[in-house]
């Protein structure tokens, strides 16, 4: 029981390679090594976000699903809306009572889909641009935080050097005063 628990702990705590959104052949071995070396460099922030950020991966998935479901062009999207409206209308039963209420709801939804098809301005390019803008915003935010961190480190180092300099000057002045006092006594 103890061995099984220890094995489970070691398996859970072992380093795990995260799955990138691109296949291995999308980058050279050197590029993958650079991205996986556990050293964050400013130049690789955009690539790391593109490969490993969950929001970016979800956006890529949603974009591919949009293309699969609706197509690439504005006309494809409008046609998909019309097709959905046709499917809703074909599902109408024509029955009385609750069937009539259900048919009314289906008819209303079909009408709204047809209006959306007529007013549609969306295509896969719009989705791509929105998702690319979201990725660019994530990259910019991470880069600004990266720069802010290193600026803070430099300010801290500079403040530490100033304190050392002030301490050294204070000691020098104190030593100088002590030496003057000794000379005056002699």
N, C-alpha and C. Protein backbone atom coordinates (compact mmCIF):
# COMPACT_ATOMS: atom_id res chain seq x y z
N UNK A 1 0.83 -1.19 0.00
CA UNK A 1 0.00 0.00 0.00
C UNK A 1 0.88 1.26 0.00
N UNK A 2 1.94 1.26 0.82
CA UNK A 2 2.83 2.41 0.89
C UNK A 2 3.55 2.58 -0.43
N UNK A 3 3.97 1.48 -1.04
CA UNK A 3 4.68 1.55 -2.31
C UNK A 3 3.76 2.10 -3.40
N UNK A 4 2.53 1.64 -3.42
CA UNK A 4 1.58 2.13 -4.42
C UNK A 4 1.34 3.62 -4.24
N UNK A 5 1.24 4.07 -2.99
CA UNK A 5 1.04 5.50 -2.72
C UNK A 5 2.24 6.32 -3.14
N UNK A 6 3.44 5.79 -2.87
CA UNK A 6 4.66 6.50 -3.26
C UNK A 6 4.77 6.57 -4.78
N UNK A 7 4.42 5.48 -5.46
CA UNK A 7 4.48 5.47 -6.92
C UNK A 7 3.50 6.48 -7.51
N UNK A 8 2.31 6.55 -6.93
CA UNK A 8 1.31 7.51 -7.40
C UNK A 8 1.80 8.94 -7.18
N UNK A 9 2.44 9.18 -6.03
CA UNK A 9 2.96 10.51 -5.75
C UNK A 9 4.05 10.88 -6.74
N UNK A 10 4.98 9.96 -7.00
CA UNK A 10 6.06 10.24 -7.94
C UNK A 10 5.53 10.46 -9.34
N UNK A 11 4.55 9.69 -9.74
CA UNK A 11 3.97 9.86 -11.08
C UNK A 11 3.28 11.22 -11.19
N UNK A 12 2.60 11.63 -10.13
CA UNK A 12 1.89 12.91 -10.16
C UNK A 12 2.84 14.09 -10.10
N UNK A 13 3.99 13.92 -9.42
CA UNK A 13 4.90 15.05 -9.26
C UNK A 13 5.98 15.10 -10.32
N UNK A 14 6.05 14.10 -11.18
CA UNK A 14 7.06 14.09 -12.24
C UNK A 14 6.75 15.19 -13.25
N UNK A 15 7.80 15.78 -13.83
CA UNK A 15 7.55 16.81 -14.84
C UNK A 15 6.77 16.23 -16.00
N UNK A 16 5.88 17.03 -16.52
CA UNK A 16 5.02 16.57 -17.58
C UNK A 16 5.22 17.48 -18.80
N UNK A 17 5.31 16.91 -19.96
CA UNK A 17 5.42 17.70 -21.18
C UNK A 17 4.02 18.11 -21.61
N UNK A 18 3.83 19.41 -21.76
CA UNK A 18 2.53 19.91 -22.21
C UNK A 18 2.40 19.70 -23.71
N UNK A 19 1.18 19.50 -24.14
CA UNK A 19 0.94 19.33 -25.56
C UNK A 19 0.86 20.69 -26.24
N UNK A 20 1.62 20.83 -27.28
CA UNK A 20 1.57 22.05 -28.07
C UNK A 20 0.42 21.96 -29.05
N UNK A 21 -0.03 23.10 -29.53
CA UNK A 21 -1.14 23.08 -30.47
C UNK A 21 -0.69 22.71 -31.88
N UNK A 22 0.59 22.88 -32.17
CA UNK A 22 1.12 22.54 -33.49
C UNK A 22 1.75 21.14 -33.46
N UNK A 23 1.73 20.46 -34.58
CA UNK A 23 2.40 19.15 -34.63
C UNK A 23 3.92 19.33 -34.61
N UNK A 24 4.64 18.27 -34.28
CA UNK A 24 6.10 18.32 -34.17
C UNK A 24 6.76 18.86 -35.44
N UNK A 25 6.23 18.49 -36.59
CA UNK A 25 6.87 18.89 -37.85
C UNK A 25 6.66 20.36 -38.19
N UNK A 26 5.85 21.07 -37.40
CA UNK A 26 5.57 22.48 -37.69
C UNK A 26 6.75 23.39 -37.37
N UNK A 27 7.66 22.90 -36.53
CA UNK A 27 8.85 23.68 -36.15
C UNK A 27 10.07 22.77 -36.22
N UNK A 28 11.22 23.41 -36.31
CA UNK A 28 12.45 22.62 -36.31
C UNK A 28 12.73 22.09 -34.91
N UNK A 29 13.59 21.10 -34.81
CA UNK A 29 13.95 20.53 -33.50
C UNK A 29 14.57 21.60 -32.60
N UNK A 30 15.34 22.51 -33.19
CA UNK A 30 15.96 23.58 -32.40
C UNK A 30 14.91 24.52 -31.83
N UNK A 31 13.89 24.83 -32.64
CA UNK A 31 12.82 25.71 -32.15
C UNK A 31 12.08 25.06 -30.98
N UNK A 32 11.73 23.77 -31.13
CA UNK A 32 11.03 23.08 -30.04
C UNK A 32 11.90 23.02 -28.80
N UNK A 33 13.19 22.77 -28.98
CA UNK A 33 14.10 22.71 -27.83
C UNK A 33 14.14 24.06 -27.12
N UNK A 34 14.19 25.14 -27.90
CA UNK A 34 14.22 26.49 -27.32
C UNK A 34 12.94 26.78 -26.54
N UNK A 35 11.80 26.35 -27.07
CA UNK A 35 10.52 26.60 -26.40
C UNK A 35 10.36 25.73 -25.15
N UNK A 36 11.01 24.60 -25.10
CA UNK A 36 10.84 23.66 -23.99
C UNK A 36 12.01 23.67 -23.00
N UNK A 37 12.90 24.65 -23.11
CA UNK A 37 14.09 24.64 -22.26
C UNK A 37 13.88 25.24 -20.86
N UNK A 38 12.66 25.61 -20.52
CA UNK A 38 12.33 26.18 -19.21
C UNK A 38 13.08 27.48 -18.93
N UNK A 39 13.49 28.18 -19.98
CA UNK A 39 14.09 29.51 -19.85
C UNK A 39 13.23 30.46 -20.67
N UNK A 40 12.58 31.38 -19.99
CA UNK A 40 11.70 32.31 -20.69
C UNK A 40 12.53 33.47 -21.25
N UNK A 41 12.43 33.63 -22.56
CA UNK A 41 13.11 34.73 -23.24
C UNK A 41 12.06 35.58 -23.94
N UNK A 42 12.30 36.87 -23.97
CA UNK A 42 11.33 37.81 -24.55
C UNK A 42 10.93 37.40 -25.96
N UNK A 43 11.90 37.00 -26.77
CA UNK A 43 11.65 36.69 -28.17
C UNK A 43 10.74 35.48 -28.36
N UNK A 44 10.65 34.59 -27.37
CA UNK A 44 9.86 33.38 -27.54
C UNK A 44 8.47 33.47 -26.91
N UNK A 45 8.13 34.59 -26.32
CA UNK A 45 6.83 34.73 -25.66
C UNK A 45 5.67 34.48 -26.63
N UNK A 46 5.73 35.08 -27.81
CA UNK A 46 4.65 34.92 -28.79
C UNK A 46 4.50 33.45 -29.20
N UNK A 47 5.62 32.77 -29.43
CA UNK A 47 5.56 31.35 -29.81
C UNK A 47 5.02 30.49 -28.68
N UNK A 48 5.43 30.78 -27.45
CA UNK A 48 4.94 30.00 -26.30
C UNK A 48 3.43 30.17 -26.13
N UNK A 49 2.96 31.39 -26.27
CA UNK A 49 1.52 31.64 -26.14
C UNK A 49 0.78 30.94 -27.27
N UNK A 50 1.31 31.01 -28.48
CA UNK A 50 0.65 30.36 -29.61
C UNK A 50 0.56 28.85 -29.41
N UNK A 51 1.58 28.25 -28.84
CA UNK A 51 1.61 26.79 -28.70
C UNK A 51 0.89 26.28 -27.45
N UNK A 52 0.96 27.03 -26.34
CA UNK A 52 0.54 26.44 -25.06
C UNK A 52 -0.60 27.17 -24.34
N UNK A 53 -0.98 28.36 -24.77
CA UNK A 53 -2.03 29.09 -24.06
C UNK A 53 -3.40 28.46 -24.33
N UNK A 54 -4.14 28.21 -23.26
CA UNK A 54 -5.43 27.53 -23.37
C UNK A 54 -6.43 28.36 -24.16
N UNK A 55 -6.45 29.66 -23.94
CA UNK A 55 -7.38 30.53 -24.68
C UNK A 55 -7.10 30.45 -26.18
N UNK A 56 -5.84 30.51 -26.54
CA UNK A 56 -5.47 30.45 -27.95
C UNK A 56 -5.84 29.08 -28.53
N UNK A 57 -5.58 28.02 -27.78
CA UNK A 57 -5.94 26.68 -28.26
C UNK A 57 -7.46 26.54 -28.43
N UNK A 58 -8.22 27.07 -27.46
CA UNK A 58 -9.68 27.03 -27.58
C UNK A 58 -10.15 27.84 -28.78
N UNK A 59 -9.55 28.99 -29.01
CA UNK A 59 -9.93 29.81 -30.16
C UNK A 59 -9.62 29.08 -31.47
N UNK A 60 -8.48 28.39 -31.52
CA UNK A 60 -8.15 27.63 -32.73
C UNK A 60 -9.18 26.52 -32.95
N UNK A 61 -9.56 25.86 -31.89
CA UNK A 61 -10.57 24.80 -32.00
C UNK A 61 -11.90 25.38 -32.47
N UNK A 62 -12.34 26.48 -31.86
CA UNK A 62 -13.61 27.10 -32.24
C UNK A 62 -13.58 27.59 -33.69
N UNK A 63 -12.46 28.11 -34.12
CA UNK A 63 -12.31 28.58 -35.50
C UNK A 63 -12.47 27.40 -36.47
N UNK A 64 -11.79 26.30 -36.18
CA UNK A 64 -11.90 25.12 -37.03
C UNK A 64 -13.32 24.56 -37.03
N UNK A 65 -13.98 24.59 -35.88
CA UNK A 65 -15.37 24.14 -35.81
C UNK A 65 -16.29 25.06 -36.60
N UNK A 66 -16.04 26.36 -36.54
CA UNK A 66 -16.84 27.32 -37.30
C UNK A 66 -16.74 27.01 -38.79
N UNK A 67 -15.52 26.79 -39.26
CA UNK A 67 -15.32 26.48 -40.69
C UNK A 67 -16.03 25.19 -41.04
N UNK A 68 -15.91 24.18 -40.16
CA UNK A 68 -16.55 22.89 -40.43
C UNK A 68 -18.08 23.03 -40.47
N UNK A 69 -18.63 23.81 -39.53
CA UNK A 69 -20.09 23.94 -39.44
C UNK A 69 -20.69 24.93 -40.43
N UNK A 70 -19.97 26.03 -40.70
CA UNK A 70 -20.56 27.12 -41.49
C UNK A 70 -19.82 27.44 -42.78
N UNK A 71 -18.60 27.02 -42.92
CA UNK A 71 -17.84 27.32 -44.13
C UNK A 71 -16.93 28.52 -43.95
N UNK A 72 -16.32 28.92 -45.06
CA UNK A 72 -15.32 30.00 -45.00
C UNK A 72 -15.86 31.38 -45.39
N UNK A 73 -16.76 31.41 -46.36
CA UNK A 73 -17.21 32.71 -46.87
C UNK A 73 -18.51 33.15 -46.22
N UNK A 74 -18.81 34.42 -46.42
CA UNK A 74 -20.07 34.98 -45.91
C UNK A 74 -21.26 34.24 -46.50
N UNK A 75 -21.16 33.89 -47.78
CA UNK A 75 -22.24 33.16 -48.45
C UNK A 75 -22.41 31.76 -47.85
N UNK A 76 -21.27 31.11 -47.52
CA UNK A 76 -21.34 29.78 -46.89
C UNK A 76 -22.07 29.86 -45.55
N UNK A 77 -21.77 30.90 -44.78
CA UNK A 77 -22.39 31.07 -43.46
C UNK A 77 -23.89 31.32 -43.63
N UNK A 78 -24.25 32.20 -44.56
CA UNK A 78 -25.68 32.49 -44.80
C UNK A 78 -26.40 31.22 -45.25
N UNK A 79 -25.77 30.46 -46.14
CA UNK A 79 -26.38 29.19 -46.59
C UNK A 79 -26.56 28.22 -45.44
N UNK A 80 -25.61 28.17 -44.53
CA UNK A 80 -25.71 27.28 -43.37
C UNK A 80 -26.88 27.70 -42.48
N UNK A 81 -27.07 29.02 -42.31
CA UNK A 81 -28.23 29.50 -41.53
C UNK A 81 -29.54 29.09 -42.21
N UNK A 82 -29.60 29.24 -43.53
CA UNK A 82 -30.82 28.88 -44.26
C UNK A 82 -31.07 27.37 -44.17
N UNK A 83 -30.00 26.59 -44.25
CA UNK A 83 -30.14 25.14 -44.14
C UNK A 83 -30.67 24.76 -42.76
N UNK A 84 -30.16 25.42 -41.71
CA UNK A 84 -30.68 25.16 -40.36
C UNK A 84 -32.16 25.52 -40.26
N UNK A 85 -32.53 26.63 -40.90
CA UNK A 85 -33.94 27.05 -40.89
C UNK A 85 -34.80 26.00 -41.61
N UNK A 86 -34.30 25.49 -42.73
CA UNK A 86 -35.04 24.44 -43.45
C UNK A 86 -35.21 23.19 -42.59
N UNK A 87 -34.13 22.83 -41.88
CA UNK A 87 -34.20 21.65 -41.01
C UNK A 87 -35.22 21.84 -39.89
N UNK A 88 -35.26 23.04 -39.33
CA UNK A 88 -36.26 23.32 -38.28
C UNK A 88 -37.67 23.21 -38.84
N UNK A 89 -37.88 23.78 -40.03
CA UNK A 89 -39.22 23.73 -40.63
C UNK A 89 -39.62 22.30 -41.00
N UNK A 90 -38.65 21.50 -41.39
CA UNK A 90 -38.99 20.11 -41.74
C UNK A 90 -39.33 19.29 -40.49
N UNK A 91 -38.92 19.78 -39.32
CA UNK A 91 -39.22 19.10 -38.07
C UNK A 91 -40.59 19.47 -37.50
N UNK A 92 -41.32 20.33 -38.18
CA UNK A 92 -42.64 20.74 -37.69
C UNK A 92 -43.63 19.60 -37.90
N UNK A 93 -44.46 19.36 -36.89
CA UNK A 93 -45.36 18.20 -36.93
C UNK A 93 -46.72 18.50 -37.54
N UNK A 94 -47.21 19.71 -37.41
CA UNK A 94 -48.53 20.06 -37.91
C UNK A 94 -49.66 19.56 -37.02
N UNK A 95 -49.33 19.12 -35.82
CA UNK A 95 -50.34 18.61 -34.90
C UNK A 95 -50.98 19.74 -34.12
N UNK A 96 -52.11 19.41 -33.48
CA UNK A 96 -52.81 20.36 -32.63
C UNK A 96 -52.22 20.30 -31.22
N UNK A 97 -52.62 21.24 -30.40
CA UNK A 97 -52.24 21.24 -28.99
C UNK A 97 -50.78 21.62 -28.79
N UNK A 98 -50.06 20.78 -28.05
CA UNK A 98 -48.65 21.07 -27.75
C UNK A 98 -47.79 21.06 -29.01
N UNK A 99 -48.16 20.23 -29.98
CA UNK A 99 -47.44 20.20 -31.25
C UNK A 99 -47.52 21.53 -31.96
N UNK A 100 -48.66 22.19 -31.81
CA UNK A 100 -48.86 23.49 -32.44
C UNK A 100 -47.92 24.53 -31.80
N UNK A 101 -47.79 24.47 -30.49
CA UNK A 101 -46.89 25.39 -29.77
C UNK A 101 -45.45 25.14 -30.20
N UNK A 102 -45.10 23.86 -30.26
CA UNK A 102 -43.75 23.49 -30.69
C UNK A 102 -43.50 23.95 -32.12
N UNK A 103 -44.48 23.76 -33.00
CA UNK A 103 -44.35 24.21 -34.39
C UNK A 103 -44.17 25.72 -34.47
N UNK A 104 -44.91 26.44 -33.64
CA UNK A 104 -44.79 27.90 -33.63
C UNK A 104 -43.37 28.32 -33.23
N UNK A 105 -42.82 27.65 -32.20
CA UNK A 105 -41.46 27.97 -31.77
C UNK A 105 -40.45 27.65 -32.87
N UNK A 106 -40.61 26.51 -33.53
CA UNK A 106 -39.71 26.15 -34.62
C UNK A 106 -39.82 27.15 -35.78
N UNK A 107 -41.04 27.56 -36.08
CA UNK A 107 -41.25 28.54 -37.15
C UNK A 107 -40.58 29.87 -36.81
N UNK A 108 -40.72 30.29 -35.56
CA UNK A 108 -40.09 31.53 -35.11
C UNK A 108 -38.57 31.43 -35.21
N UNK A 109 -37.99 30.33 -34.76
CA UNK A 109 -36.55 30.14 -34.84
C UNK A 109 -36.08 30.12 -36.30
N UNK A 110 -36.84 29.45 -37.16
CA UNK A 110 -36.48 29.40 -38.58
C UNK A 110 -36.52 30.80 -39.20
N UNK A 111 -37.52 31.58 -38.84
CA UNK A 111 -37.63 32.95 -39.35
C UNK A 111 -36.42 33.78 -38.89
N UNK A 112 -36.03 33.63 -37.61
CA UNK A 112 -34.87 34.36 -37.10
C UNK A 112 -33.58 33.94 -37.82
N UNK A 113 -33.44 32.64 -38.09
CA UNK A 113 -32.26 32.17 -38.82
C UNK A 113 -32.23 32.73 -40.25
N UNK A 114 -33.37 32.80 -40.90
CA UNK A 114 -33.42 33.37 -42.25
C UNK A 114 -33.07 34.86 -42.23
N UNK A 115 -33.53 35.58 -41.20
CA UNK A 115 -33.16 37.00 -41.07
C UNK A 115 -31.66 37.13 -40.83
N UNK A 116 -31.12 36.25 -39.99
CA UNK A 116 -29.67 36.26 -39.75
C UNK A 116 -28.93 36.00 -41.05
N UNK A 117 -29.43 35.08 -41.85
CA UNK A 117 -28.78 34.76 -43.13
C UNK A 117 -28.78 35.98 -44.04
N UNK A 118 -29.90 36.72 -44.07
CA UNK A 118 -30.00 37.90 -44.92
C UNK A 118 -29.11 39.04 -44.44
N UNK A 119 -28.96 39.16 -43.12
CA UNK A 119 -28.19 40.26 -42.53
C UNK A 119 -26.73 39.89 -42.24
N UNK A 120 -26.35 38.68 -42.55
CA UNK A 120 -25.05 38.16 -42.15
C UNK A 120 -23.89 38.91 -42.78
N UNK A 121 -22.92 39.25 -41.95
CA UNK A 121 -21.67 39.86 -42.41
C UNK A 121 -20.47 39.02 -41.99
N UNK A 122 -20.73 37.91 -41.32
CA UNK A 122 -19.65 37.09 -40.78
C UNK A 122 -19.12 36.11 -41.81
N UNK A 123 -17.82 35.87 -41.71
CA UNK A 123 -17.20 34.77 -42.44
C UNK A 123 -16.03 34.30 -41.59
N UNK A 124 -15.34 33.29 -42.05
CA UNK A 124 -14.25 32.75 -41.25
C UNK A 124 -13.14 33.77 -41.05
N UNK A 125 -12.99 34.68 -41.99
CA UNK A 125 -11.97 35.72 -41.86
C UNK A 125 -12.21 36.62 -40.66
N UNK A 126 -13.46 36.95 -40.40
CA UNK A 126 -13.81 37.78 -39.24
C UNK A 126 -13.43 37.05 -37.96
N UNK A 127 -13.80 35.77 -37.90
CA UNK A 127 -13.45 34.97 -36.71
C UNK A 127 -11.94 34.87 -36.55
N UNK A 128 -11.24 34.65 -37.66
CA UNK A 128 -9.79 34.55 -37.60
C UNK A 128 -9.17 35.84 -37.08
N UNK A 129 -9.64 36.97 -37.59
CA UNK A 129 -9.11 38.26 -37.14
C UNK A 129 -9.39 38.49 -35.65
N UNK A 130 -10.59 38.15 -35.19
CA UNK A 130 -10.92 38.31 -33.77
C UNK A 130 -10.01 37.44 -32.89
N UNK A 131 -9.83 36.20 -33.32
CA UNK A 131 -8.99 35.29 -32.53
C UNK A 131 -7.52 35.70 -32.59
N UNK A 132 -7.07 36.19 -33.75
CA UNK A 132 -5.69 36.68 -33.86
C UNK A 132 -5.47 37.90 -32.98
N UNK A 133 -6.48 38.77 -32.93
CA UNK A 133 -6.38 39.95 -32.07
C UNK A 133 -6.31 39.53 -30.60
N UNK A 134 -7.09 38.54 -30.21
CA UNK A 134 -7.06 38.04 -28.83
C UNK A 134 -5.67 37.48 -28.51
N UNK A 135 -5.09 36.73 -29.44
CA UNK A 135 -3.75 36.17 -29.23
C UNK A 135 -2.71 37.28 -29.13
N UNK A 136 -2.82 38.27 -30.00
CA UNK A 136 -1.87 39.40 -29.97
C UNK A 136 -1.98 40.16 -28.65
N UNK A 137 -3.18 40.30 -28.12
CA UNK A 137 -3.37 40.97 -26.83
C UNK A 137 -2.72 40.18 -25.70
N UNK A 138 -2.85 38.86 -25.74
CA UNK A 138 -2.21 38.02 -24.73
C UNK A 138 -0.69 38.14 -24.81
N UNK A 139 -0.17 38.16 -26.02
CA UNK A 139 1.28 38.29 -26.21
C UNK A 139 1.75 39.65 -25.67
N UNK A 140 1.07 40.71 -26.04
CA UNK A 140 1.45 42.04 -25.58
C UNK A 140 1.41 42.13 -24.07
N UNK A 141 0.37 41.60 -23.47
CA UNK A 141 0.25 41.62 -22.01
C UNK A 141 1.41 40.87 -21.35
N UNK A 142 1.74 39.69 -21.88
CA UNK A 142 2.85 38.91 -21.31
C UNK A 142 4.18 39.63 -21.51
N UNK A 143 4.37 40.24 -22.67
CA UNK A 143 5.62 40.96 -22.92
C UNK A 143 5.75 42.17 -21.99
N UNK A 144 4.66 42.88 -21.77
CA UNK A 144 4.70 44.02 -20.85
C UNK A 144 5.02 43.57 -19.43
N UNK A 145 4.44 42.46 -19.01
CA UNK A 145 4.75 41.93 -17.67
C UNK A 145 6.20 41.47 -17.58
N UNK A 146 6.71 40.88 -18.65
CA UNK A 146 8.10 40.46 -18.71
C UNK A 146 9.01 41.67 -18.53
N UNK A 147 8.74 42.73 -19.29
CA UNK A 147 9.55 43.95 -19.19
C UNK A 147 9.42 44.60 -17.82
N UNK A 148 8.22 44.62 -17.29
CA UNK A 148 7.98 45.19 -15.97
C UNK A 148 8.77 44.44 -14.89
N UNK A 149 8.78 43.13 -15.00
CA UNK A 149 9.52 42.31 -14.04
C UNK A 149 11.00 42.65 -14.07
N UNK A 150 11.59 42.70 -15.27
CA UNK A 150 13.02 42.99 -15.37
C UNK A 150 13.34 44.43 -15.01
N UNK A 151 12.43 45.34 -15.28
CA UNK A 151 12.63 46.72 -14.86
C UNK A 151 12.66 46.79 -13.34
N UNK A 152 11.75 46.07 -12.69
CA UNK A 152 11.73 46.03 -11.21
C UNK A 152 13.02 45.43 -10.67
N UNK A 153 13.51 44.39 -11.35
CA UNK A 153 14.77 43.76 -10.91
C UNK A 153 15.93 44.76 -11.01
N UNK A 154 15.96 45.52 -12.10
CA UNK A 154 17.02 46.52 -12.27
C UNK A 154 16.90 47.64 -11.23
N UNK A 155 15.67 48.06 -10.96
CA UNK A 155 15.46 49.10 -9.95
C UNK A 155 15.89 48.61 -8.57
N UNK A 156 15.59 47.37 -8.26
CA UNK A 156 15.99 46.78 -6.99
C UNK A 156 17.51 46.70 -6.89
N UNK A 157 18.13 46.26 -7.96
CA UNK A 157 19.60 46.17 -7.98
C UNK A 157 20.21 47.56 -7.84
N UNK A 158 19.63 48.54 -8.52
CA UNK A 158 20.14 49.91 -8.46
C UNK A 158 19.98 50.48 -7.05
N UNK A 159 18.83 50.23 -6.42
CA UNK A 159 18.61 50.70 -5.05
C UNK A 159 19.59 50.04 -4.09
N UNK A 160 19.86 48.78 -4.32
CA UNK A 160 20.81 48.07 -3.46
C UNK A 160 22.21 48.66 -3.62
N UNK A 161 22.60 48.97 -4.85
CA UNK A 161 23.91 49.58 -5.09
C UNK A 161 23.98 50.97 -4.45
N UNK A 162 22.88 51.74 -4.53
CA UNK A 162 22.87 53.07 -3.89
C UNK A 162 23.03 52.94 -2.39
N UNK A 163 22.35 51.96 -1.79
CA UNK A 163 22.50 51.75 -0.34
C UNK A 163 23.93 51.37 -0.01
N UNK A 164 24.53 50.51 -0.80
CA UNK A 164 25.92 50.13 -0.57
C UNK A 164 26.83 51.34 -0.71
N UNK A 165 26.58 52.15 -1.72
CA UNK A 165 27.39 53.34 -1.95
C UNK A 165 27.25 54.31 -0.78
N UNK A 166 26.01 54.51 -0.31
CA UNK A 166 25.79 55.41 0.82
C UNK A 166 26.46 54.88 2.07
N UNK A 167 26.38 53.57 2.28
CA UNK A 167 27.04 52.97 3.44
C UNK A 167 28.55 53.14 3.34
N UNK A 168 29.10 52.91 2.16
CA UNK A 168 30.54 53.06 1.96
C UNK A 168 30.96 54.51 2.18
N UNK A 169 30.16 55.44 1.66
CA UNK A 169 30.49 56.86 1.85
C UNK A 169 30.40 57.24 3.32
N UNK A 170 29.40 56.72 3.99
CA UNK A 170 29.24 57.00 5.41
C UNK A 170 30.43 56.47 6.20
N UNK A 171 30.85 55.25 5.89
CA UNK A 171 32.02 54.67 6.55
C UNK A 171 33.29 55.47 6.24
N UNK A 172 33.42 55.89 4.98
CA UNK A 172 34.58 56.68 4.59
C UNK A 172 34.62 57.99 5.36
N UNK A 173 33.46 58.67 5.43
CA UNK A 173 33.40 59.94 6.17
C UNK A 173 33.71 59.73 7.64
N UNK A 174 33.17 58.67 8.21
CA UNK A 174 33.42 58.37 9.61
C UNK A 174 34.91 58.09 9.83
N UNK A 175 35.54 57.32 8.96
CA UNK A 175 36.96 57.02 9.06
C UNK A 175 37.79 58.29 8.91
N UNK A 176 37.39 59.14 7.96
CA UNK A 176 38.10 60.39 7.73
C UNK A 176 38.04 61.27 8.98
N UNK A 177 36.85 61.37 9.60
CA UNK A 177 36.70 62.17 10.83
C UNK A 177 37.56 61.60 11.96
N UNK A 178 37.55 60.28 12.06
CA UNK A 178 38.35 59.63 13.11
C UNK A 178 39.84 59.92 12.90
N UNK A 179 40.27 59.86 11.64
CA UNK A 179 41.69 60.12 11.34
C UNK A 179 42.02 61.58 11.65
N UNK A 180 41.15 62.52 11.35
CA UNK A 180 41.39 63.94 11.65
C UNK A 180 41.47 64.17 13.16
N UNK A 181 40.58 63.51 13.88
CA UNK A 181 40.58 63.64 15.34
C UNK A 181 41.88 63.10 15.91
N UNK A 182 42.37 61.99 15.41
CA UNK A 182 43.64 61.42 15.91
C UNK A 182 44.79 62.36 15.61
N UNK A 183 44.80 62.97 14.44
CA UNK A 183 45.87 63.90 14.07
C UNK A 183 45.84 65.14 14.97
N UNK A 184 44.63 65.58 15.26
CA UNK A 184 44.51 66.79 16.10
C UNK A 184 44.98 66.49 17.52
N UNK A 185 44.83 65.30 18.01
CA UNK A 185 45.26 64.94 19.35
C UNK A 185 46.77 64.83 19.42
N UNK A 186 47.40 64.52 18.35
CA UNK A 186 48.85 64.34 18.38
C UNK A 186 49.58 65.63 18.35
